[in-house]
Amino acid sequence: MSDTQYEERIVRTLAAFQRNRYDVARFAERTAAADYLAREIRGKRVGFGDSETLRALSLYERLSEHNEVIDPPRAGHEGGIEAFLAAGREALMTDVFLLSANAITEEGQILNMDGAGNRVAGSLFGHEKTYFVVGVNKLVPDIEAGIARIHEIAAPRNAHRKGKKTPCAKDGTRCYDCAALERICNALTIHYKKMSYRPMELVLIEEELGL
C-alpha cells in the first residue's frame, strides 16, 4: 500500500466514524495519544476494559495521577477471581470508561469479543464518556473481515497470552469454536453506530498495538 493509499484509508475511516456520530482523534504514535487522554480525563472515576493497548500506553499509571482508576484485570492479578469480579462491577459505574477493540472497520463499526462480559458491558451504557483506544493494526475493510480477525488473530492470541485451557491457546493461530470452560469467545458486540445519549470517541493510533 502506497503512502497515498494509506492516508486515503485513514481519512476515509475517520470520516465514516464521524458520520456514525463518534468523536475522533488521530495520533502518529502512542505517547501523543497518552498525553492527550491524560489532559482530557482529570478528576474522574475511570473504568478499564481488559486491553493490551491501554497497558502499552501506560494509561493506568498516567491516569492515576489525576483520577481514580478501576482496572479489573489488575485487581484480579492481585486478589484473584472475586477481586476481578468486584472491580468489574465497580468499573461499570465509573464516570469514564476506556477500552480498545478487536477490530474497527473502514465503514465506522467497532467489534469486540468477550469472555466474562465486563469489557463489552462497559462499552454499552452508563458512563459520561467512553474512549475506544485502537492501534491501526485493528483496521479492517468491513464487519465480515472484523469477525475473521477476531477468530483468526485476536482471540487465539489472547487465549494463548492468558494461558487458557482452550484448543486455540495451544497454537494461537485459529478458532476451533470450542466448548471449553475457559473459552473467551462468549459474546460478540458490534457497534454499528455510536450509542445514543452519550459521547464516545475513537482514538486511532498509527502504530501496531494490542492483539
Protein backbone atom coordinates (compact mmCIF):
# COMPACT_ATOMS: atom_id res chain seq x y z
CA MET A 1 0.00 0.00 0.00
CA SER A 2 1.42 3.37 -1.02
CA ASP A 3 1.58 6.34 1.36
CA THR A 4 -1.24 7.97 -0.59
CA GLN A 5 -3.43 4.88 -0.35
CA TYR A 6 -2.71 4.57 3.37
CA GLU A 7 -3.63 8.20 4.02
CA GLU A 8 -6.82 7.86 1.99
CA ARG A 9 -7.77 4.78 4.00
CA ILE A 10 -7.26 6.53 7.34
CA VAL A 11 -9.15 9.64 6.24
CA ARG A 12 -11.99 7.50 4.87
CA THR A 13 -12.21 5.54 8.12
CA LEU A 14 -12.27 8.60 10.38
CA ALA A 15 -14.92 10.22 8.18
CA ALA A 16 -17.06 7.08 8.50
CA PHE A 17 -16.79 7.19 12.29
CA GLN A 18 -17.76 10.85 12.31
CA ARG A 19 -20.82 10.04 10.17
CA ASN A 20 -21.66 7.40 12.75
CA ARG A 21 -21.64 10.15 15.41
CA TYR A 22 -18.31 9.38 17.08
CA ASP A 23 -15.76 11.95 18.11
CA VAL A 24 -12.40 11.05 16.57
CA ALA A 25 -8.77 11.76 17.37
CA ARG A 26 -5.75 10.62 15.36
CA PHE A 27 -2.19 10.26 16.60
CA ALA A 28 1.01 9.15 14.90
CA GLU A 29 2.34 7.39 17.99
CA ARG A 30 1.29 6.16 21.42
CA THR A 31 2.96 8.82 23.58
CA ALA A 32 0.98 11.61 21.96
CA ALA A 33 -2.25 9.65 22.45
CA ALA A 34 -1.45 9.01 26.11
CA ASP A 35 -0.66 12.70 26.63
CA TYR A 36 -3.99 13.64 25.05
CA LEU A 37 -6.00 11.27 27.24
CA ALA A 38 -4.15 12.42 30.37
CA ARG A 39 -5.18 16.01 29.53
CA GLU A 40 -8.78 15.12 28.69
CA ILE A 41 -9.52 12.92 31.71
CA ARG A 42 -8.98 14.60 35.07
CA GLY A 43 -10.79 14.37 38.39
CA LYS A 44 -12.86 11.36 37.32
CA ARG A 45 -13.52 7.78 38.32
CA VAL A 46 -12.22 5.78 35.36
CA GLY A 47 -13.00 2.19 34.42
CA PHE A 48 -10.86 0.00 32.16
CA GLY A 49 -11.75 -2.92 29.95
CA ASP A 50 -9.02 -5.57 29.65
CA SER A 51 -6.66 -4.20 26.99
CA GLU A 52 -3.07 -4.74 25.97
CA THR A 53 -3.30 -1.40 24.14
CA LEU A 54 -4.11 0.51 27.33
CA ARG A 55 -1.18 -1.21 29.02
CA ALA A 56 1.14 -0.34 26.12
CA LEU A 57 0.24 3.33 26.64
CA SER A 58 0.83 3.06 30.43
CA LEU A 59 -2.61 4.59 30.87
CA TYR A 60 -3.20 3.14 34.33
CA GLU A 61 -0.14 4.97 35.59
CA ARG A 62 -0.80 8.15 33.59
CA LEU A 63 -4.47 8.49 34.51
CA SER A 64 -3.95 7.50 38.16
CA GLU A 65 -2.06 10.77 38.64
CA HIS A 66 -5.29 12.79 38.48
CA ASN A 67 -8.09 10.20 38.64
CA GLU A 68 -9.27 7.10 40.46
CA VAL A 69 -8.76 4.19 38.04
CA ILE A 70 -10.55 0.83 38.31
CA ASP A 71 -8.72 -1.88 36.33
CA PRO A 72 -10.37 -5.32 36.79
CA PRO A 73 -7.50 -7.41 35.34
CA ARG A 74 -5.04 -5.67 37.65
CA ALA A 75 -7.34 -6.29 40.61
CA GLY A 76 -7.72 -9.93 39.61
CA HIS A 77 -3.98 -10.41 39.31
CA GLU A 78 -3.54 -9.09 42.83
CA GLY A 79 -6.59 -10.60 44.52
CA GLY A 80 -7.98 -13.44 42.43
CA ILE A 81 -11.28 -14.01 40.63
CA GLU A 82 -13.50 -12.44 43.30
CA ALA A 83 -11.42 -9.25 43.23
CA PHE A 84 -11.68 -9.23 39.43
CA LEU A 85 -15.46 -9.60 39.52
CA ALA A 86 -15.84 -6.90 42.16
CA ALA A 87 -13.67 -4.48 40.20
CA GLY A 88 -15.53 -5.38 37.01
CA ARG A 89 -18.82 -4.38 38.61
CA GLU A 90 -17.29 -1.20 40.01
CA ALA A 91 -15.86 -0.24 36.61
CA LEU A 92 -19.37 -0.28 35.16
CA MET A 93 -20.33 2.62 37.44
CA THR A 94 -17.44 4.96 36.65
CA ASP A 95 -17.58 8.39 35.02
CA VAL A 96 -15.34 7.41 32.10
CA PHE A 97 -14.64 4.03 30.50
CA LEU A 98 -11.67 3.10 28.32
CA LEU A 99 -11.16 0.00 26.22
CA SER A 100 -9.74 -0.99 22.88
CA ALA A 101 -11.30 -3.05 20.09
CA ASN A 102 -10.70 -6.39 18.46
CA ALA A 103 -11.46 -4.74 15.12
CA ILE A 104 -12.68 -1.47 13.64
CA THR A 105 -13.96 -1.17 10.10
CA GLU A 106 -13.46 1.36 7.34
CA GLU A 107 -17.26 1.74 7.44
CA GLY A 108 -17.18 3.02 11.03
CA GLN A 109 -18.10 -0.04 13.11
CA ILE A 110 -16.42 -1.41 16.25
CA LEU A 111 -16.23 -5.12 17.08
CA ASN A 112 -15.36 -6.73 20.41
CA MET A 113 -15.48 -10.34 21.62
CA ASP A 114 -15.61 -11.00 25.35
CA GLY A 115 -15.49 -13.90 27.76
CA ALA A 116 -16.74 -12.58 31.10
CA GLY A 117 -18.67 -9.64 29.64
CA ASN A 118 -17.35 -6.78 31.76
CA ARG A 119 -15.46 -5.20 28.85
CA VAL A 120 -18.32 -5.16 26.37
CA ALA A 121 -20.85 -4.24 29.08
CA GLY A 122 -18.80 -1.18 29.93
CA SER A 123 -18.76 -0.12 26.29
CA LEU A 124 -22.54 0.00 26.00
CA PHE A 125 -24.03 2.16 28.76
CA GLY A 126 -23.55 4.05 31.99
CA HIS A 127 -20.63 6.47 31.61
CA GLU A 128 -20.24 10.17 30.93
CA LYS A 129 -17.88 9.25 28.08
CA THR A 130 -16.31 6.15 26.54
CA TYR A 131 -12.99 6.06 24.69
CA PHE A 132 -12.01 3.31 22.25
CA VAL A 133 -8.20 3.42 22.05
CA VAL A 134 -7.14 1.49 18.96
CA GLY A 135 -3.98 0.75 17.01
CA VAL A 136 -4.06 0.90 13.24
CA ASN A 137 -3.45 -2.85 13.04
CA LYS A 138 -7.09 -3.37 14.11
CA LEU A 139 -8.42 -1.67 10.97
CA VAL A 140 -10.26 -3.95 8.52
CA PRO A 141 -12.48 -3.29 5.50
CA ASP A 142 -15.84 -4.46 6.88
CA ILE A 143 -17.69 -6.42 9.56
CA GLU A 144 -17.04 -9.80 7.92
CA ALA A 145 -13.31 -9.09 7.94
CA GLY A 146 -13.57 -7.92 11.54
CA ILE A 147 -15.15 -11.19 12.67
CA ALA A 148 -12.48 -13.11 10.76
CA ARG A 149 -9.79 -11.07 12.50
CA ILE A 150 -11.27 -11.97 15.89
CA HIS A 151 -11.42 -15.69 15.10
CA GLU A 152 -8.05 -15.94 13.38
CA ILE A 153 -5.90 -13.40 15.24
CA ALA A 154 -7.24 -11.61 18.30
CA ALA A 155 -9.00 -14.37 20.23
CA PRO A 156 -6.44 -17.17 19.71
CA ARG A 157 -3.55 -14.87 20.63
CA ASN A 158 -5.39 -13.58 23.67
CA ALA A 159 -6.23 -17.09 24.86
CA HIS A 160 -2.59 -18.07 24.36
CA ARG A 161 -1.42 -14.97 26.27
CA LYS A 162 -3.68 -15.77 29.20
CA GLY A 163 -2.75 -19.46 29.25
CA LYS A 164 -6.35 -20.57 28.78
CA LYS A 165 -7.19 -24.27 28.51
CA THR A 166 -8.66 -23.99 25.01
CA PRO A 167 -7.65 -25.53 21.66
CA CYS A 168 -6.80 -22.13 20.19
CA ALA A 169 -4.44 -21.29 23.07
CA LYS A 170 -2.15 -24.18 22.16
CA ASP A 171 -1.01 -22.62 18.89
CA GLY A 172 -2.59 -19.15 18.95
CA THR A 173 -3.41 -19.31 15.26
CA ARG A 174 -7.12 -20.03 14.76
CA CYS A 175 -10.53 -20.55 16.33
CA TYR A 176 -11.82 -24.08 16.94
CA ASP A 177 -15.31 -22.94 18.04
CA CYS A 178 -14.74 -24.94 21.20
CA ALA A 179 -16.97 -25.62 24.20
CA ALA A 180 -14.13 -25.31 26.72
CA LEU A 181 -14.95 -23.92 30.16
CA GLU A 182 -12.22 -21.30 29.69
CA ARG A 183 -13.45 -20.22 26.25
CA ILE A 184 -13.07 -16.44 25.87
CA CYS A 185 -15.39 -16.06 22.85
CA ASN A 186 -18.76 -15.90 24.60
CA ALA A 187 -20.26 -12.61 23.43
CA LEU A 188 -19.67 -10.52 20.31
CA THR A 189 -20.71 -6.87 20.23
CA ILE A 190 -20.87 -4.80 17.06
CA HIS A 191 -21.26 -1.06 17.46
CA TYR A 192 -22.94 -0.16 14.18
CA LYS A 193 -23.29 3.46 15.30
CA LYS A 194 -22.45 5.40 18.44
CA MET A 195 -24.78 4.52 21.29
CA SER A 196 -27.50 7.10 21.97
CA TYR A 197 -27.36 9.84 24.63
CA ARG A 198 -23.66 9.59 25.48
CA PRO A 199 -20.39 10.73 23.87
CA MET A 200 -17.99 8.11 22.54
CA GLU A 201 -14.60 8.74 20.97
CA LEU A 202 -12.32 6.74 18.72
CA VAL A 203 -8.65 7.40 19.49
CA LEU A 204 -6.78 5.97 16.50
CA ILE A 205 -3.03 5.47 16.88
CA GLU A 206 -0.89 4.81 13.82
CA GLU A 207 1.08 2.02 15.47
CA GLU A 208 0.52 -1.70 15.84
CA LEU A 209 -0.87 -2.07 19.34
CA GLY A 210 -2.53 -4.90 21.20
CA LEU A 211 -3.83 -8.14 19.78
